[in-house]
Amino acid sequence: MANTFSKVERINEILQETIYSIESSKEEITEIVEYARDDVKHIEKELFEIKERVDKVIKEVNLLEIEERKSRAYLSNVSKNFRIYTEEDLKDAYDKANECRIRLLLKREEEKRLIERRKEQEFRLKSAIEVFEKAEKVRKSVSVVTEYLKGNLDEILFTVDHLNKRQVLGIKIIEAQEEERERLARDIHDGPAQSMANILVKAEICERLMDIDRNKSREELKNLKTIVRTTLKDLRKTIYDLRPMSLDDLGLIPTLERYIYNFIDYSGIDVKLNIMGDVVNLNSAIEVAVFRIIQESLNNVFKHSKATEARITLEYSPTRLNLSIVDNGIGFNQEEVNKIGGSATGGFGLISIKERVELLEGNIEIKSWPGRGTRINIYIMLPEEES
């Protein structure tokens, strides 16, 4: 009894630490929300200034068009009545008409550039608003979780059957949270942040080349568009990795099919998805865990295995979910992967997969042979309501 009481006390400490960690994360998320809100306001201000410049340039273009038409009409009149006007008059009329035409061409080019900048800024604003809304949603969710844990702490302590697993679960929550924050920070720093810095440099180059070398400027603008597209793709991938919305909207199988399609596109690895049995809607936690397991497995295949093919089989049975992931890569030493430290190639990814399976009270078998690929078999027992 005393041992059980000490375990409950330990669980209480873990939950308190979890709440503290979540509250600390909430402060950081709040900072992210504020940064996203400021970014939206900054982009809105820039967009407003660009729109004002566009309106001004459009009016200038209209006036120049009128002036250019008048100069051409005057030149035509002078040319027709050459007996009335002198050669000097004809030359002045031609110079004025040519000057008006050049000014009009330059102003139209400026109008075109500003309109393109307005479109890009509108797209930036839309993306920034989406990021802000998602960050705000995450902040609200974390607040709800924190209040729930605080208000239901005693109930949680006395309704969980497996106290030892609860201890492990509390630690894993903290570790998983820190790992996810570190991964997200690394992905943003190495991907979109670097690309945004590159975009800024390219934009400055284009601005300087605009009046010097138009052909080179166009070439730099094309490069800039390519960088922007890549940055947008990276941002969408980061957002998708945080939480694939299609899991809630479409379910596990369509989300997997979409993820695998994109994975094949950027990795070049041929992945086959085979679904067996009658597909049923599972508990959201199980579907998220299965998706993350497959996602982590394919990441390992892409980063470490040097495989050209992979096969995923997901079998629905009345009482359990069977999952196998097989690749034809270089494999690894089976003894290394069994080490808890995960020193083998891709070991930390495999540890993450093992932890997810254990949290679902499932079983996992990992078999690998150097030069002959890797096979992962996972068996997850379904709760009675799922069965």
Protein backbone atom coordinates (compact mmCIF):
# COMPACT_ATOMS: atom_id res chain seq x y z
CA MET A 1 0.00 0.00 0.00
CA ALA A 2 2.82 2.34 0.88
CA ASN A 3 4.48 1.48 -2.43
CA THR A 4 1.26 2.32 -4.29
CA PHE A 5 0.98 5.59 -2.38
CA SER A 6 4.54 6.52 -3.30
CA LYS A 7 3.76 5.76 -6.93
CA VAL A 8 0.70 8.00 -6.78
CA GLU A 9 2.85 10.74 -5.27
CA ARG A 10 5.38 10.28 -8.05
CA ILE A 11 2.62 10.43 -10.66
CA ASN A 12 1.36 13.60 -9.01
CA GLU A 13 4.84 15.11 -9.29
CA ILE A 14 5.07 14.11 -12.96
CA LEU A 15 1.69 15.63 -13.75
CA GLN A 16 2.65 18.84 -11.94
CA GLU A 17 5.85 18.97 -13.98
CA THR A 18 3.83 18.31 -17.13
CA ILE A 19 1.46 21.17 -16.30
CA TYR A 20 4.45 23.44 -15.64
CA SER A 21 6.04 22.41 -18.94
CA ILE A 22 2.79 23.02 -20.83
CA GLU A 23 2.37 26.43 -19.19
CA SER A 24 5.94 27.31 -20.16
CA SER A 25 5.18 26.22 -23.70
CA LYS A 26 2.01 28.31 -23.61
CA GLU A 27 4.10 31.41 -22.93
CA GLU A 28 6.32 30.60 -25.90
CA ILE A 29 3.27 29.89 -28.07
CA THR A 30 1.81 33.22 -26.97
CA GLU A 31 5.03 34.92 -28.12
CA ILE A 32 4.70 33.12 -31.46
CA VAL A 33 1.08 34.29 -31.74
CA GLU A 34 2.11 37.89 -31.00
CA TYR A 35 4.94 37.67 -33.53
CA ALA A 36 2.51 36.27 -36.13
CA ARG A 37 0.01 39.06 -35.35
CA ASP A 38 2.73 41.71 -35.73
CA ASP A 39 3.83 40.11 -38.98
CA VAL A 40 0.27 40.32 -40.31
CA LYS A 41 0.04 44.00 -39.34
CA HIS A 42 3.41 44.74 -40.93
CA ILE A 43 2.43 43.05 -44.19
CA GLU A 44 -0.95 44.82 -44.17
CA LYS A 45 0.84 48.16 -43.80
CA GLU A 46 3.23 47.37 -46.67
CA LEU A 47 0.32 46.20 -48.82
CA PHE A 48 -1.59 49.42 -48.11
CA GLU A 49 1.43 51.51 -49.17
CA ILE A 50 1.88 49.45 -52.35
CA LYS A 51 -1.81 49.87 -53.22
CA GLU A 52 -1.50 53.64 -52.79
CA ARG A 53 1.53 53.66 -55.11
CA VAL A 54 -0.35 51.51 -57.65
CA ASP A 55 -3.29 53.92 -57.64
CA LYS A 56 -0.95 56.87 -58.07
CA VAL A 57 0.96 55.24 -60.94
CA ILE A 58 -2.28 54.22 -62.71
CA LYS A 59 -3.41 57.86 -62.63
CA GLU A 60 -0.01 58.95 -63.97
CA VAL A 61 -0.25 56.36 -66.76
CA ASN A 62 -3.70 57.68 -67.74
CA LEU A 63 -2.41 61.24 -67.89
CA LEU A 64 0.63 60.20 -69.91
CA GLU A 65 -1.59 58.28 -72.35
CA ILE A 66 -3.60 61.45 -72.95
CA GLU A 67 -0.42 63.50 -73.34
CA GLU A 68 1.08 60.88 -75.67
CA ARG A 69 -2.03 60.84 -77.89
CA LYS A 70 -1.95 64.65 -78.10
CA SER A 71 1.75 64.64 -79.02
CA ARG A 72 1.16 62.04 -81.76
CA ALA A 73 -1.79 64.04 -83.09
CA TYR A 74 0.33 67.21 -83.13
CA LEU A 75 3.18 65.37 -84.90
CA SER A 76 0.73 64.08 -87.49
CA ASN A 77 -0.64 67.55 -88.05
CA VAL A 78 2.85 69.05 -88.46
CA SER A 79 3.83 66.28 -90.88
CA LYS A 80 0.74 66.83 -93.04
CA ASN A 81 1.14 70.59 -93.13
CA PHE A 82 4.87 70.66 -93.76
CA ARG A 83 4.47 73.79 -95.89
CA ILE A 84 3.15 75.75 -92.91
CA TYR A 85 5.62 74.41 -90.33
CA THR A 86 9.37 74.58 -90.50
CA GLU A 87 11.75 71.64 -90.31
CA GLU A 88 12.62 72.74 -86.79
CA ASP A 89 8.94 72.56 -85.82
CA LEU A 90 8.75 69.03 -87.23
CA LYS A 91 11.84 67.98 -85.29
CA ASP A 92 10.48 69.45 -82.03
CA ALA A 93 7.12 67.72 -82.54
CA TYR A 94 8.87 64.39 -83.20
CA ASP A 95 11.14 64.76 -80.13
CA LYS A 96 8.18 65.58 -77.88
CA ALA A 97 6.15 62.66 -79.21
CA ASN A 98 9.09 60.28 -78.73
CA GLU A 99 9.74 61.60 -75.23
CA CYS A 100 6.09 61.08 -74.29
CA ARG A 101 6.17 57.56 -75.68
CA ILE A 102 9.29 56.64 -73.66
CA ARG A 103 7.90 58.14 -70.47
CA LEU A 104 4.67 56.21 -71.01
CA LEU A 105 6.53 52.92 -71.57
CA LEU A 106 8.59 53.41 -68.42
CA LYS A 107 5.55 54.31 -66.35
CA ARG A 108 3.65 51.27 -67.65
CA GLU A 109 6.60 49.07 -66.71
CA GLU A 110 6.58 50.60 -63.23
CA GLU A 111 2.82 49.97 -63.03
CA LYS A 112 3.34 46.32 -64.02
CA ARG A 113 6.06 45.83 -61.38
CA LEU A 114 3.95 47.39 -58.66
CA ILE A 115 0.94 45.23 -59.55
CA GLU A 116 3.15 42.13 -59.34
CA ARG A 117 4.44 43.29 -55.95
CA ARG A 118 0.86 43.86 -54.82
CA LYS A 119 -0.07 40.31 -55.81
CA GLU A 120 2.96 38.87 -53.99
CA GLN A 121 2.18 40.93 -50.91
CA GLU A 122 -1.46 39.81 -50.96
CA PHE A 123 -0.26 36.21 -51.12
CA ARG A 124 2.16 36.85 -48.23
CA LEU A 125 -0.67 38.38 -46.22
CA LYS A 126 -2.90 35.38 -46.83
CA SER A 127 -0.15 32.98 -45.73
CA ALA A 128 0.67 35.10 -42.66
CA ILE A 129 -3.00 35.17 -41.63
CA GLU A 130 -3.20 31.38 -41.96
CA VAL A 131 -0.09 30.96 -39.77
CA PHE A 132 -1.51 33.39 -37.21
CA GLU A 133 -4.87 31.61 -37.08
CA LYS A 134 -3.22 28.21 -36.65
CA ALA A 135 -0.91 29.53 -33.92
CA GLU A 136 -3.91 31.10 -32.16
CA LYS A 137 -5.77 27.79 -32.37
CA VAL A 138 -2.78 25.94 -30.86
CA ARG A 139 -2.58 28.49 -28.04
CA LYS A 140 -6.26 28.04 -27.20
CA SER A 141 -5.90 24.25 -27.29
CA VAL A 142 -2.93 24.36 -24.91
CA SER A 143 -4.89 26.61 -22.55
CA VAL A 144 -7.81 24.16 -22.56
CA VAL A 145 -5.46 21.23 -21.86
CA THR A 146 -3.78 23.10 -19.00
CA GLU A 147 -7.08 24.03 -17.36
CA TYR A 148 -8.37 20.49 -17.81
CA LEU A 149 -5.29 18.98 -16.15
CA LYS A 150 -5.50 21.45 -13.27
CA GLY A 151 -9.21 20.90 -12.71
CA ASN A 152 -9.17 17.11 -13.05
CA LEU A 153 -5.87 16.23 -11.43
CA ASP A 154 -7.36 14.16 -8.57
CA GLU A 155 -9.74 12.36 -10.90
CA ILE A 156 -6.90 11.48 -13.27
CA LEU A 157 -4.79 10.11 -10.43
CA PHE A 158 -7.47 7.71 -9.22
CA THR A 159 -8.93 6.54 -12.55
CA VAL A 160 -5.75 5.24 -14.19
CA ASP A 161 -5.16 1.51 -13.65
CA HIS A 162 -1.51 1.08 -14.63
CA LEU A 163 0.49 3.34 -12.36
CA ASN A 164 3.88 2.36 -13.70
CA LYS A 165 2.83 3.21 -17.23
CA ARG A 166 1.47 6.52 -16.03
CA GLN A 167 4.94 7.37 -14.69
CA VAL A 168 6.50 6.55 -18.05
CA LEU A 169 3.75 8.42 -19.86
CA GLY A 170 4.37 11.63 -17.91
CA ILE A 171 8.07 11.55 -18.73
CA LYS A 172 7.42 10.72 -22.37
CA ILE A 173 4.99 13.62 -22.71
CA ILE A 174 7.68 16.04 -21.57
CA GLU A 175 10.38 14.46 -23.72
CA ALA A 176 8.12 14.28 -26.78
CA GLN A 177 7.15 17.92 -26.30
CA GLU A 178 10.76 19.07 -26.10
CA GLU A 179 11.77 16.93 -29.08
CA GLU A 180 8.89 18.27 -31.15
CA ARG A 181 9.73 21.87 -30.26
CA GLU A 182 13.38 21.27 -31.10
CA ARG A 183 12.48 19.62 -34.42
CA LEU A 184 10.08 22.40 -35.34
CA ALA A 185 12.63 25.09 -34.48
CA ARG A 186 15.28 23.26 -36.51
CA ASP A 187 12.96 22.80 -39.50
CA ILE A 188 11.96 26.48 -39.50
CA HIS A 189 15.57 27.65 -39.03
CA ASP A 190 17.02 25.39 -41.74
CA GLY A 191 14.14 25.76 -44.17
CA PRO A 192 11.81 28.81 -44.32
CA ALA A 193 14.06 31.13 -42.28
CA GLN A 194 17.05 30.54 -44.55
CA SER A 195 14.87 30.84 -47.64
CA MET A 196 13.36 34.13 -46.43
CA ALA A 197 16.86 35.54 -45.93
CA ASN A 198 17.74 34.41 -49.46
CA ILE A 199 14.55 36.02 -50.79
CA LEU A 200 15.50 39.32 -49.17
CA VAL A 201 18.96 39.24 -50.78
CA LYS A 202 17.48 38.35 -54.19
CA ALA A 203 14.92 41.13 -53.90
CA GLU A 204 17.67 43.68 -53.19
CA ILE A 205 19.64 42.40 -56.19
CA CYS A 206 16.57 42.72 -58.43
CA GLU A 207 15.96 46.25 -57.16
CA ARG A 208 19.53 47.29 -58.01
CA LEU A 209 19.52 45.58 -61.41
CA MET A 210 16.15 47.06 -62.44
CA ASP A 211 17.67 50.22 -63.90
CA ILE A 212 20.99 48.67 -64.92
CA ASP A 213 20.36 45.35 -66.66
CA ARG A 214 16.72 44.43 -67.28
CA ASN A 215 17.53 40.99 -68.71
CA LYS A 216 19.61 40.09 -65.67
CA SER A 217 16.86 41.51 -63.47
CA ARG A 218 14.26 39.26 -65.10
CA GLU A 219 16.53 36.27 -64.59
CA GLU A 220 16.94 37.12 -60.91
CA LEU A 221 13.16 37.54 -60.57
CA LYS A 222 12.66 34.05 -61.99
CA ASN A 223 15.11 32.71 -59.41
CA LEU A 224 13.26 34.64 -56.74
CA LYS A 225 9.94 33.06 -57.75
CA THR A 226 11.52 29.61 -57.54
CA ILE A 227 12.80 30.33 -54.02
CA VAL A 228 9.38 31.63 -52.95
CA ARG A 229 7.67 28.49 -54.25
CA THR A 230 10.17 26.29 -52.41
CA THR A 231 9.71 28.31 -49.21
CA LEU A 232 5.95 28.01 -49.48
CA LYS A 233 6.29 24.25 -49.99
CA ASP A 234 8.52 23.99 -46.88
CA LEU A 235 6.06 26.01 -44.80
CA ARG A 236 3.14 23.87 -45.92
CA LYS A 237 5.14 20.73 -45.07
CA THR A 238 5.97 22.11 -41.62
CA ILE A 239 2.30 22.97 -40.97
CA TYR A 240 1.23 19.57 -42.31
CA ASP A 241 3.77 17.81 -40.06
CA LEU A 242 2.40 19.65 -37.03
CA ARG A 243 -1.06 18.27 -37.61
CA PRO A 244 -2.50 16.88 -40.86
CA MET A 245 -6.01 18.37 -40.90
CA SER A 246 -7.18 15.72 -43.35
CA LEU A 247 -7.06 13.15 -40.52
CA ASP A 248 -10.12 14.82 -38.99
CA ASP A 249 -11.80 15.60 -42.30
CA LEU A 250 -11.14 12.52 -44.43
CA GLY A 251 -9.79 9.85 -42.08
CA LEU A 252 -6.62 7.79 -41.84
CA ILE A 253 -6.51 6.06 -45.24
CA PRO A 254 -6.97 9.15 -47.51
CA THR A 255 -4.45 11.03 -45.35
CA LEU A 256 -1.92 8.21 -45.73
CA GLU A 257 -2.50 8.06 -49.48
CA ARG A 258 -1.90 11.79 -49.81
CA TYR A 259 1.22 11.68 -47.61
CA ILE A 260 2.67 8.72 -49.52
CA TYR A 261 1.97 10.44 -52.85
CA ASN A 262 3.93 13.51 -51.71
CA PHE A 263 6.66 11.31 -50.19
CA ILE A 264 7.16 9.49 -53.51
CA ASP A 265 7.30 12.84 -55.31
CA TYR A 266 10.16 14.32 -53.26
CA SER A 267 12.03 11.13 -52.29
CA GLY A 268 11.87 9.14 -55.53
CA ILE A 269 11.22 5.95 -53.49
CA ASP A 270 8.44 3.74 -54.82
CA VAL A 271 6.02 3.14 -51.92
CA LYS A 272 3.05 0.77 -52.15
CA LEU A 273 0.16 1.02 -49.66
CA ASN A 274 -1.93 -2.13 -49.23
CA ILE A 275 -5.14 -2.00 -47.15
CA MET A 276 -6.66 -5.27 -45.95
CA GLY A 277 -9.92 -5.99 -44.13
CA ASP A 278 -12.92 -3.75 -43.57
CA VAL A 279 -11.80 -0.16 -42.93
CA VAL A 280 -13.43 1.39 -39.87
CA ASN A 281 -13.06 4.76 -38.20
CA LEU A 282 -10.79 4.34 -35.18
CA ASN A 283 -10.24 6.45 -32.11
CA SER A 284 -8.54 9.72 -33.10
CA ALA A 285 -5.52 9.00 -30.87
CA ILE A 286 -4.96 5.62 -32.55
CA GLU A 287 -5.25 7.08 -36.06
CA VAL A 288 -2.81 9.90 -35.24
CA ALA A 289 -0.35 7.42 -33.71
CA VAL A 290 -0.55 5.07 -36.73
CA PHE A 291 -0.01 8.02 -39.09
CA ARG A 292 3.02 9.22 -37.08
CA ILE A 293 4.47 5.70 -36.98
CA ILE A 294 4.26 5.38 -40.78
CA GLN A 295 5.57 8.92 -41.21
CA GLU A 296 8.60 8.25 -38.98
CA SER A 297 9.23 4.91 -40.69
CA LEU A 298 9.26 6.47 -44.16
CA ASN A 299 11.54 9.25 -42.90
CA ASN A 300 13.98 6.57 -41.72
CA VAL A 301 13.72 4.83 -45.09
CA PHE A 302 14.44 8.10 -46.91
CA LYS A 303 17.29 9.30 -44.66
CA HIS A 304 19.13 6.09 -43.84
CA SER A 305 18.13 2.99 -45.81
CA LYS A 306 19.12 3.95 -49.38
CA ALA A 307 16.06 1.93 -50.43
CA THR A 308 14.36 2.20 -53.82
CA GLU A 309 11.13 0.48 -52.77
CA ALA A 310 8.97 0.22 -49.67
CA ARG A 311 5.73 -1.59 -48.95
CA ILE A 312 3.19 -0.69 -46.25
CA THR A 313 0.44 -3.13 -45.31
CA LEU A 314 -2.34 -2.05 -42.95
CA GLU A 315 -4.75 -4.81 -41.92
CA TYR A 316 -8.00 -4.19 -40.07
CA SER A 317 -9.25 -7.15 -38.01
CA PRO A 318 -12.13 -7.29 -35.51
CA THR A 319 -9.86 -7.07 -32.47
CA ARG A 320 -6.61 -5.52 -33.59
CA LEU A 321 -4.75 -3.45 -36.15
CA ASN A 322 -1.78 -5.04 -37.93
CA LEU A 323 0.83 -2.85 -39.61
CA SER A 324 3.97 -3.82 -41.52
CA ILE A 325 6.55 -1.60 -43.20
CA VAL A 326 9.13 -3.30 -45.45
CA ASP A 327 11.96 -1.75 -47.49
CA ASN A 328 14.73 -3.10 -49.75
CA GLY A 329 17.46 -0.87 -48.30
CA ILE A 330 20.88 -1.56 -46.84
CA GLY A 331 19.53 -2.73 -43.48
CA PHE A 332 21.55 -2.66 -40.26
CA ASN A 333 22.89 -4.82 -37.46
CA GLN A 334 19.96 -6.31 -35.53
CA GLU A 335 21.82 -6.16 -32.21
CA GLU A 336 22.39 -2.41 -32.54
CA VAL A 337 18.72 -1.61 -32.96
CA ASN A 338 17.89 -3.54 -29.79
CA LYS A 339 20.11 -1.25 -27.72
CA ILE A 340 18.00 1.17 -25.78
CA GLY A 341 20.39 3.98 -26.58
CA GLY A 342 19.55 3.72 -30.25
CA SER A 343 23.08 4.08 -31.54
CA ALA A 344 22.25 2.30 -34.78
CA THR A 345 21.55 4.18 -37.97
CA GLY A 346 18.11 5.68 -37.63
CA GLY A 347 17.96 4.34 -34.03
CA PHE A 348 16.33 7.43 -32.54
CA GLY A 349 13.55 7.25 -35.12
CA LEU A 350 12.96 3.60 -34.22
CA ILE A 351 12.85 4.50 -30.51
CA SER A 352 10.16 7.07 -31.27
CA ILE A 353 8.16 4.41 -33.11
CA LYS A 354 8.59 1.95 -30.22
CA GLU A 355 7.40 4.55 -27.71
CA ARG A 356 4.25 5.28 -29.71
CA VAL A 357 3.46 1.57 -29.96
CA GLU A 358 4.03 1.08 -26.24
CA LEU A 359 1.72 3.98 -25.39
CA LEU A 360 -0.99 2.15 -27.36
CA GLU A 361 -0.12 -1.06 -25.46
CA GLY A 362 0.85 -2.71 -28.75
CA ASN A 363 3.69 -4.99 -29.82
CA ILE A 364 6.48 -4.25 -32.29
CA GLU A 365 8.95 -6.52 -34.09
CA ILE A 366 11.92 -5.08 -35.98
CA LYS A 367 13.88 -7.36 -38.29
CA SER A 368 16.80 -6.17 -40.39
CA TRP A 369 19.65 -7.78 -42.26
CA PRO A 370 22.69 -5.89 -43.64
CA GLY A 371 22.19 -5.55 -47.38
CA ARG A 372 18.74 -7.17 -47.32
CA GLY A 373 16.42 -4.45 -46.04
CA THR A 374 14.28 -3.94 -42.96
CA ARG A 375 10.85 -5.15 -41.83
CA ILE A 376 8.78 -3.61 -39.03
CA ASN A 377 5.70 -5.48 -37.77
CA ILE A 378 3.31 -3.74 -35.37
CA TYR A 379 0.23 -5.16 -33.65
CA ILE A 380 -2.18 -2.85 -31.84
CA MET A 381 -5.09 -4.27 -29.86
CA LEU A 382 -8.25 -2.26 -30.37
CA PRO A 383 -10.38 -1.11 -27.41
CA GLU A 384 -13.71 -2.88 -27.03
CA GLU A 385 -15.67 0.08 -28.40
CA GLU A 386 -13.46 0.05 -31.52
CA SER A 387 -13.99 -3.71 -31.95
